[in-house]
PDB file of N, CA and C in Angstrom:
ATOM      1  N   MET A   1       2.423   5.898  16.166  1.00  0.00           N
ATOM      2  CA  MET A   1       1.916   4.530  16.306  1.00  0.00           C
ATOM      3  C   MET A   1       2.763   3.468  15.865  1.00  0.00           C
ATOM      4  N   ILE A   2       3.865   4.299  14.294  1.00  0.00           N
ATOM      5  CA  ILE A   2       4.911   3.477  14.485  1.00  0.00           C
ATOM      6  C   ILE A   2       6.275   3.714  15.210  1.00  0.00           C
ATOM      7  N   SER A   3       6.796   3.268  15.155  1.00  0.00           N
ATOM      8  CA  SER A   3       8.509   3.434  15.356  1.00  0.00           C
ATOM      9  C   SER A   3       9.604   2.970  14.623  1.00  0.00           C
ATOM     10  N   LEU A   4       9.948   3.632  13.788  1.00  0.00           N
ATOM     11  CA  LEU A   4      11.152   3.179  12.783  1.00  0.00           C
ATOM     12  C   LEU A   4      12.584   2.947  13.159  1.00  0.00           C
ATOM     13  N   ARG A   5      12.573   1.459  12.920  1.00  0.00           N
ATOM     14  CA  ARG A   5      13.968   0.640  13.791  1.00  0.00           C
ATOM     15  C   ARG A   5      15.345   0.502  12.516  1.00  0.00           C
ATOM     16  N   PRO A   6      15.716   1.469  11.517  1.00  0.00           N
ATOM     17  CA  PRO A   6      16.296   0.601  10.045  1.00  0.00           C
ATOM     18  C   PRO A   6      17.631   0.229  10.722  1.00  0.00           C
ATOM     19  N   LYS A   7      17.691  -0.741  10.466  1.00  0.00           N
ATOM     20  CA  LYS A   7      19.315  -1.345  10.474  1.00  0.00           C
ATOM     21  C   LYS A   7      20.391  -0.897   9.612  1.00  0.00           C
ATOM     22  N   SER A   8      21.327  -0.620  10.076  1.00  0.00           N
ATOM     23  CA  SER A   8      22.186   0.343   9.839  1.00  0.00           C
ATOM     24  C   SER A   8      23.056  -0.687   8.609  1.00  0.00           C
ATOM     25  N   GLY A   9      23.632   0.217   7.906  1.00  0.00           N
ATOM     26  CA  GLY A   9      24.143  -0.476   6.550  1.00  0.00           C
ATOM     27  C   GLY A   9      25.300  -0.077   6.237  1.00  0.00           C
ATOM     28  N   SER A  10      26.126  -0.634   5.212  1.00  0.00           N
ATOM     29  CA  SER A  10      27.228  -0.295   4.903  1.00  0.00           C
ATOM     30  C   SER A  10      28.108  -1.054   3.722  1.00  0.00           C
ATOM     31  N   TRP A  11      28.678  -0.347   3.213  1.00  0.00           N
ATOM     32  CA  TRP A  11      29.370  -1.007   1.759  1.00  0.00           C
ATOM     33  C   TRP A  11      30.081  -2.637   1.728  1.00  0.00           C
ATOM     34  N   GLY A  12      30.825  -3.200   3.243  1.00  0.00           N
ATOM     35  CA  GLY A  12      30.919  -4.511   3.335  1.00  0.00           C
ATOM     36  C   GLY A  12      29.606  -5.161   3.481  1.00  0.00           C
ATOM     37  N   LYS A  13      28.280  -4.605   4.171  1.00  0.00           N
ATOM     38  CA  LYS A  13      27.111  -5.579   3.947  1.00  0.00           C
ATOM     39  C   LYS A  13      26.793  -5.941   2.850  1.00  0.00           C
ATOM     40  N   ASN A  14      26.908  -4.961   1.861  1.00  0.00           N
ATOM     41  CA  ASN A  14      26.179  -5.048   0.506  1.00  0.00           C
ATOM     42  C   ASN A  14      26.891  -5.552  -0.389  1.00  0.00           C
ATOM     43  N   ALA A  15      28.443  -5.367  -0.005  1.00  0.00           N
ATOM     44  CA  ALA A  15      29.575  -6.493  -0.745  1.00  0.00           C
ATOM     45  C   ALA A  15      29.218  -7.907  -0.389  1.00  0.00           C
ATOM     46  N   ILE A  16      28.889  -8.117   1.191  1.00  0.00           N
ATOM     47  CA  ILE A  16      28.667  -9.876   1.318  1.00  0.00           C
ATOM     48  C   ILE A  16      27.861 -10.067   0.880  1.00  0.00           C
ATOM     49  N   GLY A  17      26.587  -9.595   0.986  1.00  0.00           N
ATOM     50  CA  GLY A  17      25.257 -10.009   0.339  1.00  0.00           C
ATOM     51  C   GLY A  17      25.132 -10.151  -1.128  1.00  0.00           C
ATOM     52  N   GLY A  18      25.890  -9.274  -2.095  1.00  0.00           N
ATOM     53  CA  GLY A  18      25.814  -9.140  -3.763  1.00  0.00           C
ATOM     54  C   GLY A  18      26.581 -10.393  -3.715  1.00  0.00           C
ATOM     55  N   LEU A  19      27.689 -10.662  -3.461  1.00  0.00           N
ATOM     56  CA  LEU A  19      28.311 -11.525  -3.537  1.00  0.00           C
ATOM     57  C   LEU A  19      27.818 -13.399  -3.058  1.00  0.00           C
ATOM     58  N   ILE A  20      27.434 -13.123  -2.249  1.00  0.00           N
ATOM     59  CA  ILE A  20      26.111 -14.229  -2.263  1.00  0.00           C
ATOM     60  C   ILE A  20      25.575 -14.516  -2.419  1.00  0.00           C
ATOM     61  N   PHE A  21      24.158 -13.389  -2.769  1.00  0.00           N
ATOM     62  CA  PHE A  21      23.359 -13.676  -3.810  1.00  0.00           C
ATOM     63  C   PHE A  21      23.861 -13.830  -5.086  1.00  0.00           C
ATOM     64  N   GLY A  22      24.777 -13.537  -5.637  1.00  0.00           N
ATOM     65  CA  GLY A  22      25.360 -13.864  -7.348  1.00  0.00           C
ATOM     66  C   GLY A  22      25.764 -14.484  -7.236  1.00  0.00           C
ATOM     67  N   LEU A  23      26.528 -15.534  -6.729  1.00  0.00           N
ATOM     68  CA  LEU A  23      26.882 -16.601  -6.861  1.00  0.00           C
ATOM     69  C   LEU A  23      25.882 -17.675  -6.758  1.00  0.00           C
ATOM     70  N   GLY A  24      25.142 -17.183  -5.792  1.00  0.00           N
ATOM     71  CA  GLY A  24      23.755 -18.551  -6.234  1.00  0.00           C
ATOM     72  C   GLY A  24      22.753 -18.283  -7.031  1.00  0.00           C
ATOM     73  N   PHE A  25      22.629 -17.008  -7.805  1.00  0.00           N
ATOM     74  CA  PHE A  25      22.390 -16.641  -8.996  1.00  0.00           C
ATOM     75  C   PHE A  25      22.806 -17.329 -10.212  1.00  0.00           C
ATOM     76  N   ALA A  26      24.188 -16.831  -9.940  1.00  0.00           N
ATOM     77  CA  ALA A  26      25.507 -17.293 -11.130  1.00  0.00           C
ATOM     78  C   ALA A  26      25.366 -19.269 -11.761  1.00  0.00           C
ATOM     79  N   LEU A  27      25.147 -20.062 -10.540  1.00  0.00           N
ATOM     80  CA  LEU A  27      25.345 -21.066 -10.330  1.00  0.00           C
ATOM     81  C   LEU A  27      23.961 -21.916 -10.973  1.00  0.00           C
ATOM     82  N   LEU A  28      23.068 -21.487 -10.115  1.00  0.00           N
ATOM     83  CA  LEU A  28      21.446 -22.188 -10.932  1.00  0.00           C
ATOM     84  C   LEU A  28      20.543 -21.343 -11.570  1.00  0.00           C
ATOM     85  N   GLY A  29      20.736 -20.098 -11.800  1.00  0.00           N
ATOM     86  CA  GLY A  29      19.734 -19.168 -12.213  1.00  0.00           C
ATOM     87  C   GLY A  29      18.133 -19.083 -11.371  1.00  0.00           C
ATOM     88  N   TYR A  30      18.310 -19.161  -9.900  1.00  0.00           N
ATOM     89  CA  TYR A  30      17.482 -18.713  -9.201  1.00  0.00           C
ATOM     90  C   TYR A  30      17.344 -17.438  -7.932  1.00  0.00           C
ATOM     91  N   CYS A  31      16.803 -17.347  -7.880  1.00  0.00           N
ATOM     92  CA  CYS A  31      16.778 -15.742  -7.058  1.00  0.00           C
ATOM     93  C   CYS A  31      16.226 -16.768  -5.522  1.00  0.00           C
ATOM     94  N   PRO A  32      16.421 -16.336  -4.098  1.00  0.00           N
ATOM     95  CA  PRO A  32      16.008 -16.971  -2.858  1.00  0.00           C
ATOM     96  C   PRO A  32      14.211 -17.224  -3.221  1.00  0.00           C
ATOM     97  N   GLY A  33      13.538 -16.428  -3.408  1.00  0.00           N
ATOM     98  CA  GLY A  33      12.486 -16.542  -3.535  1.00  0.00           C
ATOM     99  C   GLY A  33      11.492 -17.408  -4.638  1.00  0.00           C
ATOM    100  N   THR A  34      12.402 -17.496  -5.643  1.00  0.00           N
ATOM    101  CA  THR A  34      12.042 -18.427  -6.974  1.00  0.00           C
ATOM    102  C   THR A  34      12.494 -19.666  -6.815  1.00  0.00           C
ATOM    103  N   VAL A  35      13.650 -20.082  -5.556  1.00  0.00           N
ATOM    104  CA  VAL A  35      13.967 -21.235  -5.836  1.00  0.00           C
ATOM    105  C   VAL A  35      12.965 -21.879  -4.720  1.00  0.00           C
ATOM    106  N   ALA A  36      12.619 -21.070  -4.019  1.00  0.00           N
ATOM    107  CA  ALA A  36      11.694 -21.428  -2.713  1.00  0.00           C
ATOM    108  C   ALA A  36      10.444 -22.028  -3.522  1.00  0.00           C
ATOM    109  N   GLY A  37       9.693 -21.376  -4.515  1.00  0.00           N
ATOM    110  CA  GLY A  37       8.859 -21.632  -5.644  1.00  0.00           C
ATOM    111  C   GLY A  37       8.940 -23.117  -6.374  1.00  0.00           C
ATOM    112  N   ALA A  38      10.183 -22.147  -6.768  1.00  0.00           N
ATOM    113  CA  ALA A  38      10.595 -23.996  -7.728  1.00  0.00           C
ATOM    114  C   ALA A  38      10.402 -25.814  -7.290  1.00  0.00           C
ATOM    115  N   ILE A  39      11.105 -24.928  -5.699  1.00  0.00           N
ATOM    116  CA  ILE A  39      10.814 -26.697  -4.393  1.00  0.00           C
ATOM    117  C   ILE A  39       9.468 -26.701  -4.904  1.00  0.00           C
ATOM    118  N   GLY A  40       8.543 -25.595  -4.214  1.00  0.00           N
ATOM    119  CA  GLY A  40       7.323 -26.273  -3.980  1.00  0.00           C
ATOM    120  C   GLY A  40       6.793 -26.528  -5.132  1.00  0.00           C
ATOM    121  N   ASN A  41       7.070 -26.557  -6.313  1.00  0.00           N
ATOM    122  CA  ASN A  41       6.435 -26.718  -7.369  1.00  0.00           C
ATOM    123  C   ASN A  41       6.911 -28.507  -8.307  1.00  0.00           C
ATOM    124  N   GLY A  42       8.122 -28.807  -7.551  1.00  0.00           N
ATOM    125  CA  GLY A  42       8.619 -29.991  -7.525  1.00  0.00           C
ATOM    126  C   GLY A  42      10.003 -29.782  -8.721  1.00  0.00           C
ATOM    127  N   SER A  43      10.235 -28.643  -9.137  1.00  0.00           N
ATOM    128  CA  SER A  43      11.743 -28.819  -9.540  1.00  0.00           C
ATOM    129  C   SER A  43      12.474 -29.243  -9.652  1.00  0.00           C
ATOM    130  N   LEU A  44      13.080 -30.348 -10.219  1.00  0.00           N
ATOM    131  CA  LEU A  44      14.414 -30.883  -9.415  1.00  0.00           C
ATOM    132  C   LEU A  44      15.631 -30.019  -9.329  1.00  0.00           C
ATOM    133  N   ASP A  45      16.371 -29.371 -10.220  1.00  0.00           N
ATOM    134  CA  ASP A  45      17.076 -29.298 -10.128  1.00  0.00           C
ATOM    135  C   ASP A  45      17.220 -27.739  -8.931  1.00  0.00           C
ATOM    136  N   ALA A  46      16.067 -27.146  -8.384  1.00  0.00           N
ATOM    137  CA  ALA A  46      15.934 -26.477  -7.264  1.00  0.00           C
ATOM    138  C   ALA A  46      15.816 -27.726  -5.673  1.00  0.00           C
ATOM    139  N   THR A  47      14.808 -28.918  -5.897  1.00  0.00           N
ATOM    140  CA  THR A  47      14.795 -29.564  -5.157  1.00  0.00           C
ATOM    141  C   THR A  47      16.101 -29.758  -4.450  1.00  0.00           C
ATOM    142  N   THR A  48      17.595 -30.333  -5.388  1.00  0.00           N
ATOM    143  CA  THR A  48      18.331 -30.917  -4.745  1.00  0.00           C
ATOM    144  C   THR A  48      19.462 -29.914  -5.280  1.00  0.00           C
ATOM    145  N   ALA A  49      19.884 -28.909  -6.122  1.00  0.00           N
ATOM    146  CA  ALA A  49      21.019 -27.928  -5.520  1.00  0.00           C
ATOM    147  C   ALA A  49      20.602 -26.765  -5.243  1.00  0.00           C
ATOM    148  N   GLY A  50      19.286 -26.566  -5.217  1.00  0.00           N
ATOM    149  CA  GLY A  50      19.232 -25.368  -4.711  1.00  0.00           C
ATOM    150  C   GLY A  50      18.984 -25.431  -3.077  1.00  0.00           C
ATOM    151  N   LEU A  51      18.187 -26.334  -2.891  1.00  0.00           N
ATOM    152  CA  LEU A  51      18.049 -26.660  -1.393  1.00  0.00           C
ATOM    153  C   LEU A  51      19.190 -27.083  -0.833  1.00  0.00           C
ATOM    154  N   ALA A  52      20.096 -27.869  -1.371  1.00  0.00           N
ATOM    155  CA  ALA A  52      21.787 -28.037  -0.969  1.00  0.00           C
ATOM    156  C   ALA A  52      22.346 -26.840  -0.811  1.00  0.00           C
ATOM    157  N   GLY A  53      22.202 -25.681  -1.373  1.00  0.00           N
ATOM    158  CA  GLY A  53      23.001 -24.233  -1.620  1.00  0.00           C
ATOM    159  C   GLY A  53      22.338 -23.637  -0.615  1.00  0.00           C
ATOM    160  N   ILE A  54      21.255 -23.431  -0.285  1.00  0.00           N
ATOM    161  CA  ILE A  54      20.029 -22.918   0.873  1.00  0.00           C
ATOM    162  C   ILE A  54      20.812 -22.942   2.167  1.00  0.00           C
ATOM    163  N   LEU A  55      20.863 -24.389   1.958  1.00  0.00           N
ATOM    164  CA  LEU A  55      21.498 -25.081   3.258  1.00  0.00           C
ATOM    165  C   LEU A  55      23.050 -24.886   3.987  1.00  0.00           C
ATOM    166  N   LEU A  56      23.802 -25.433   2.787  1.00  0.00           N
ATOM    167  CA  LEU A  56      25.217 -24.979   2.970  1.00  0.00           C
ATOM    168  C   LEU A  56      25.630 -23.964   2.724  1.00  0.00           C
ATOM    169  N   GLY A  57      25.170 -22.857   2.154  1.00  0.00           N
ATOM    170  CA  GLY A  57      25.383 -21.531   2.104  1.00  0.00           C
ATOM    171  C   GLY A  57      24.587 -20.656   3.378  1.00  0.00           C
ATOM    172  N   SER A  58      23.960 -21.000   4.475  1.00  0.00           N
ATOM    173  CA  SER A  58      23.326 -20.265   5.346  1.00  0.00           C
ATOM    174  C   SER A  58      24.383 -20.925   6.681  1.00  0.00           C
ATOM    175  N   GLY A  59      24.824 -22.065   6.180  1.00  0.00           N
ATOM    176  CA  GLY A  59      25.776 -22.971   7.107  1.00  0.00           C
ATOM    177  C   GLY A  59      27.020 -22.244   7.365  1.00  0.00           C
ATOM    178  N   ILE A  60      27.118 -21.930   6.595  1.00  0.00           N
ATOM    179  CA  ILE A  60      28.917 -21.331   6.094  1.00  0.00           C
ATOM    180  C   ILE A  60      28.857 -19.577   6.478  1.00  0.00           C
ATOM    181  N   PHE A  61      27.881 -19.109   6.169  1.00  0.00           N
ATOM    182  CA  PHE A  61      27.698 -17.495   6.464  1.00  0.00           C
ATOM    183  C   PHE A  61      27.606 -17.931   7.983  1.00  0.00           C
ATOM    184  N   ALA A  62      27.146 -18.331   8.687  1.00  0.00           N
ATOM    185  CA  ALA A  62      26.428 -18.347  10.105  1.00  0.00           C
ATOM    186  C   ALA A  62      28.127 -18.974  10.603  1.00  0.00           C
ATOM    187  N   THR A  63      28.700 -19.660  10.123  1.00  0.00           N
ATOM    188  CA  THR A  63      29.818 -19.960  11.407  1.00  0.00           C
ATOM    189  C   THR A  63      30.578 -19.449  10.260  1.00  0.00           C
ATOM    190  N   ILE A  64      31.315 -18.107   9.800  1.00  0.00           N
ATOM    191  CA  ILE A  64      31.966 -17.316   9.599  1.00  0.00           C
ATOM    192  C   ILE A  64      31.452 -16.339   9.692  1.00  0.00           C
ATOM    193  N   TYR A  65      30.275 -15.665  10.673  1.00  0.00           N
ATOM    194  CA  TYR A  65      29.546 -14.295  10.360  1.00  0.00           C
ATOM    195  C   TYR A  65      30.398 -13.617  11.642  1.00  0.00           C
ATOM    196  N   PRO A  66      30.670 -14.344  12.624  1.00  0.00           N
ATOM    197  CA  PRO A  66      31.853 -13.746  13.935  1.00  0.00           C
ATOM    198  C   PRO A  66      32.764 -12.741  13.615  1.00  0.00           C
ATOM    199  N   ARG A  67      33.862 -13.691  12.131  1.00  0.00           N
ATOM    200  CA  ARG A  67      34.805 -13.100  12.055  1.00  0.00           C
ATOM    201  C   ARG A  67      34.408 -11.691  11.092  1.00  0.00           C
ATOM    202  N   LEU A  68      33.237 -11.957  10.405  1.00  0.00           N
ATOM    203  CA  LEU A  68      32.994 -10.792   9.480  1.00  0.00           C
ATOM    204  C   LEU A  68      32.070  -9.628  10.387  1.00  0.00           C
ATOM    205  N   LYS A  69      31.573 -10.136  11.220  1.00  0.00           N
ATOM    206  CA  LYS A  69      30.697  -8.938  11.997  1.00  0.00           C
ATOM    207  C   LYS A  69      31.973  -7.857  12.117  1.00  0.00           C
ATOM    208  N   GLU A  70      32.939  -8.246  12.724  1.00  0.00           N
ATOM    209  CA  GLU A  70      34.319  -7.384  12.956  1.00  0.00           C
ATOM    210  C   GLU A  70      35.020  -6.918  11.937  1.00  0.00           C
ATOM    211  N   GLY A  71      34.754  -7.003  10.820  1.00  0.00           N
ATOM    212  CA  GLY A  71      35.576  -6.833  10.055  1.00  0.00           C
ATOM    213  C   GLY A  71      35.023  -6.261   8.784  1.00  0.00           C
ATOM    214  N   ILE A  72      34.800  -7.144   7.671  1.00  0.00           N
ATOM    215  CA  ILE A  72      34.303  -6.236   6.337  1.00  0.00           C
ATOM    216  C   ILE A  72      32.838  -5.869   6.735  1.00  0.00           C
ATOM    217  N   LEU A  73      32.280  -6.291   7.489  1.00  0.00           N
ATOM    218  CA  LEU A  73      30.627  -5.923   7.827  1.00  0.00           C
ATOM    219  C   LEU A  73      30.837  -4.626   7.941  1.00  0.00           C
ATOM    220  N   LYS A  74      31.689  -4.033   8.861  1.00  0.00           N
ATOM    221  CA  LYS A  74      31.541  -2.574   9.371  1.00  0.00           C
ATOM    222  C   LYS A  74      32.531  -1.910   8.278  1.00  0.00           C
ATOM    223  N   LYS A  75      33.135  -2.480   7.881  1.00  0.00           N
ATOM    224  CA  LYS A  75      34.003  -0.933   6.583  1.00  0.00           C
ATOM    225  C   LYS A  75      32.704  -0.085   5.581  1.00  0.00           C
ATOM    226  N   GLY A  76      33.165   0.770   5.445  1.00  0.00           N
ATOM    227  CA  GLY A  76      32.207   1.807   4.875  1.00  0.00           C
ATOM    228  C   GLY A  76      30.947   2.185   5.621  1.00  0.00           C
ATOM    229  N   SER A  77      30.635   2.027   6.967  1.00  0.00           N
ATOM    230  CA  SER A  77      29.212   2.329   7.368  1.00  0.00           C
ATOM    231  C   SER A  77      28.245   3.373   6.830  1.00  0.00           C
ATOM    232  N   PHE A  78      27.085   3.038   6.663  1.00  0.00           N
ATOM    233  CA  PHE A  78      26.198   4.557   6.176  1.00  0.00           C
ATOM    234  C   PHE A  78      25.780   5.065   7.331  1.00  0.00           C
ATOM    235  N   GLY A  79      25.413   3.950   8.374  1.00  0.00           N
ATOM    236  CA  GLY A  79      24.609   4.680   9.875  1.00  0.00           C
ATOM    237  C   GLY A  79      22.910   3.873   9.487  1.00  0.00           C
ATOM    238  N   LYS A  80      22.427   4.136  10.804  1.00  0.00           N
ATOM    239  CA  LYS A  80      21.135   4.225  10.472  1.00  0.00           C
ATOM    240  C   LYS A  80      20.206   5.429  10.275  1.00  0.00           C
ATOM    241  N   PHE A  81      19.710   5.086   9.063  1.00  0.00           N
ATOM    242  CA  PHE A  81      18.678   6.726   8.526  1.00  0.00           C
ATOM    243  C   PHE A  81      17.358   5.971   7.460  1.00  0.00           C
ATOM    244  N   THR A  82      16.417   7.003   7.652  1.00  0.00           N
ATOM    245  CA  THR A  82      15.406   6.902   6.085  1.00  0.00           C
ATOM    246  C   THR A  82      15.278   7.932   5.766  1.00  0.00           C
ATOM    247  N   LEU A  83      14.646   7.813   4.872  1.00  0.00           N
ATOM    248  CA  LEU A  83      14.605   8.938   3.687  1.00  0.00           C
ATOM    249  C   LEU A  83      13.887  10.227   4.464  1.00  0.00           C
ATOM    250  N   PRO A  84      13.002  10.152   5.057  1.00  0.00           N
ATOM    251  CA  PRO A  84      12.673  11.599   5.755  1.00  0.00           C
ATOM    252  C   PRO A  84      13.744  11.991   6.604  1.00  0.00           C
ATOM    253  N   GLN A  85      14.398  11.422   7.508  1.00  0.00           N
ATOM    254  CA  GLN A  85      15.399  12.066   7.832  1.00  0.00           C
ATOM    255  C   GLN A  85      16.544  12.562   7.026  1.00  0.00           C
ATOM    256  N   ILE A  86      16.410  11.842   6.385  1.00  0.00           N
ATOM    257  CA  ILE A  86      17.848  12.787   4.904  1.00  0.00           C
ATOM    258  C   ILE A  86      16.927  13.960   4.738  1.00  0.00           C
ATOM    259  N   PHE A  87      15.751  13.852   4.130  1.00  0.00           N
ATOM    260  CA  PHE A  87      14.950  15.324   3.574  1.00  0.00           C
ATOM    261  C   PHE A  87      14.709  15.684   4.914  1.00  0.00           C
ATOM    262  N   LYS A  88      14.758  15.398   5.859  1.00  0.00           N
ATOM    263  CA  LYS A  88      14.248  16.303   7.038  1.00  0.00           C
ATOM    264  C   LYS A  88      12.641  16.647   7.206  1.00  0.00           C
ATOM    265  N   VAL A  89      12.259  16.023   7.023  1.00  0.00           N
ATOM    266  CA  VAL A  89      10.487  16.182   6.347  1.00  0.00           C
ATOM    267  C   VAL A  89      10.036  15.072   7.167  1.00  0.00           C
ATOM    268  N   ASN A  90       8.259  15.298   7.260  1.00  0.00           N
ATOM    269  CA  ASN A  90       7.576  14.414   7.761  1.00  0.00           C
ATOM    270  C   ASN A  90       7.870  12.920   7.483  1.00  0.00           C
ATOM    271  N   ASN A  91       7.465  11.851   8.354  1.00  0.00           N
ATOM    272  CA  ASN A  91       7.181  10.458   7.461  1.00  0.00           C
ATOM    273  C   ASN A  91       6.297  10.169   6.366  1.00  0.00           C
ATOM    274  N   TRP A  92       5.324  11.303   6.241  1.00  0.00           N
ATOM    275  CA  TRP A  92       4.225  11.318   5.840  1.00  0.00           C
ATOM    276  C   TRP A  92       4.264  12.183   3.930  1.00  0.00           C
ATOM    277  N   MET A  93       5.398  12.691   4.389  1.00  0.00           N
ATOM    278  CA  MET A  93       5.676  13.930   3.117  1.00  0.00           C
ATOM    279  C   MET A  93       6.652  12.677   2.007  1.00  0.00           C
ATOM    280  N   ILE A  94       7.263  11.425   2.659  1.00  0.00           N
ATOM    281  CA  ILE A  94       7.767  10.394   1.387  1.00  0.00           C
ATOM    282  C   ILE A  94       6.258   9.116   1.521  1.00  0.00           C
ATOM    283  N   ILE A  95       5.620   9.641   2.250  1.00  0.00           N
ATOM    284  CA  ILE A  95       5.038   8.000   2.464  1.00  0.00           C
ATOM    285  C   ILE A  95       3.964   8.012   1.418  1.00  0.00           C
ATOM    286  N   ILE A  96       3.025   9.102   0.968  1.00  0.00           N
ATOM    287  CA  ILE A  96       1.895   9.636   0.445  1.00  0.00           C
ATOM    288  C   ILE A  96       2.479   9.919  -0.914  1.00  0.00           C
ATOM    289  N   PRO A  97       3.605  10.632  -1.283  1.00  0.00           N
ATOM    290  CA  PRO A  97       3.806  10.486  -2.709  1.00  0.00           C
ATOM    291  C   PRO A  97       4.109   9.060  -3.390  1.00  0.00           C
ATOM    292  N   LEU A  98       4.948   8.454  -2.666  1.00  0.00           N
ATOM    293  CA  LEU A  98       5.662   6.988  -2.885  1.00  0.00           C
ATOM    294  C   LEU A  98       4.627   6.459  -3.250  1.00  0.00           C
ATOM    295  N   ALA A  99       3.412   6.144  -2.223  1.00  0.00           N
ATOM    296  CA  ALA A  99       1.948   5.027  -2.699  1.00  0.00           C
ATOM    297  C   ALA A  99       1.116   5.840  -3.878  1.00  0.00           C
ATOM    298  N   VAL A 100       1.404   7.018  -3.912  1.00  0.00           N
ATOM    299  CA  VAL A 100       0.791   7.511  -5.438  1.00  0.00           C
ATOM    300  C   VAL A 100       1.500   7.390  -6.475  1.00  0.00           C
ATOM    301  N   SER A 101       2.911   7.341  -6.381  1.00  0.00           N
ATOM    302  CA  SER A 101       3.670   7.075  -7.463  1.00  0.00           C
ATOM    303  C   SER A 101       3.533   5.556  -8.106  1.00  0.00           C
ATOM    304  N   ILE A 102       3.155   4.406  -7.002  1.00  0.00           N
ATOM    305  CA  ILE A 102       3.322   3.655  -6.708  1.00  0.00           C
ATOM    306  C   ILE A 102       1.585   2.774  -7.492  1.00  0.00           C
ATOM    307  N   VAL A 103       0.845   3.359  -7.547  1.00  0.00           N
ATOM    308  CA  VAL A 103      -0.507   3.285  -7.336  1.00  0.00           C
ATOM    309  C   VAL A 103      -0.657   3.726  -9.214  1.00  0.00           C
ATOM    310  N   ILE A 104      -0.159   4.565  -9.675  1.00  0.00           N
ATOM    311  CA  ILE A 104      -0.001   5.138 -11.107  1.00  0.00           C
ATOM    312  C   ILE A 104       0.719   4.304 -11.760  1.00  0.00           C
ATOM    313  N   PHE A 105       2.031   3.875 -11.320  1.00  0.00           N
ATOM    314  CA  PHE A 105       2.976   2.940 -12.092  1.00  0.00           C
ATOM    315  C   PHE A 105       2.092   1.763 -12.258  1.00  0.00           C
ATOM    316  N   LEU A 106       1.510   0.930 -11.460  1.00  0.00           N
ATOM    317  CA  LEU A 106       1.051   0.033 -11.485  1.00  0.00           C
ATOM    318  C   LEU A 106      -0.193  -0.246 -12.598  1.00  0.00           C
ATOM    319  N   TYR A 107      -1.195   0.959 -12.117  1.00  0.00           N
ATOM    320  CA  TYR A 107      -2.094   0.978 -13.413  1.00  0.00           C
ATOM    321  C   TYR A 107      -1.679   1.255 -14.364  1.00  0.00           C
ATOM    322  N   PHE A 108      -0.631   2.170 -14.777  1.00  0.00           N
ATOM    323  CA  PHE A 108      -0.103   1.740 -16.431  1.00  0.00           C
ATOM    324  C   PHE A 108       0.226   0.391 -16.876  1.00  0.00           C
ATOM    325  N   LEU A 109       1.230   0.014 -15.686  1.00  0.00           N
ATOM    326  CA  LEU A 109       2.050  -1.466 -16.338  1.00  0.00           C
ATOM    327  C   LEU A 109       0.924  -2.337 -16.661  1.00  0.00           C
ATOM    328  N   HIS A 110      -0.637  -2.196 -16.430  1.00  0.00           N
ATOM    329  CA  HIS A 110      -1.500  -3.153 -16.185  1.00  0.00           C
ATOM    330  C   HIS A 110      -1.800  -3.058 -17.904  1.00  0.00           C
TER     331      HIS A 110
END
């Protein structure tokens, strides 16, 4: 019923993503999701600096993406794989224990 199509990962992609995320977090103190929530709540710092940072950062990344795609984003490629492929098991052998673990964790967290 489901066909998995994971994207390939790489050390370069993780480095660029981490730098962008870390820079935004360090400068403003918001994660991308929480800045959207803060904008919705009318937070002045999120509405001005957060929204400007999102738009400016997205624009800069979109502008330099063609050069990054052929350079650092290809460095240290992991390839396309999933946990079931790594362990050579059926998908359900990962999904069911993971789902049970999450339910148990949330029960005790409550």
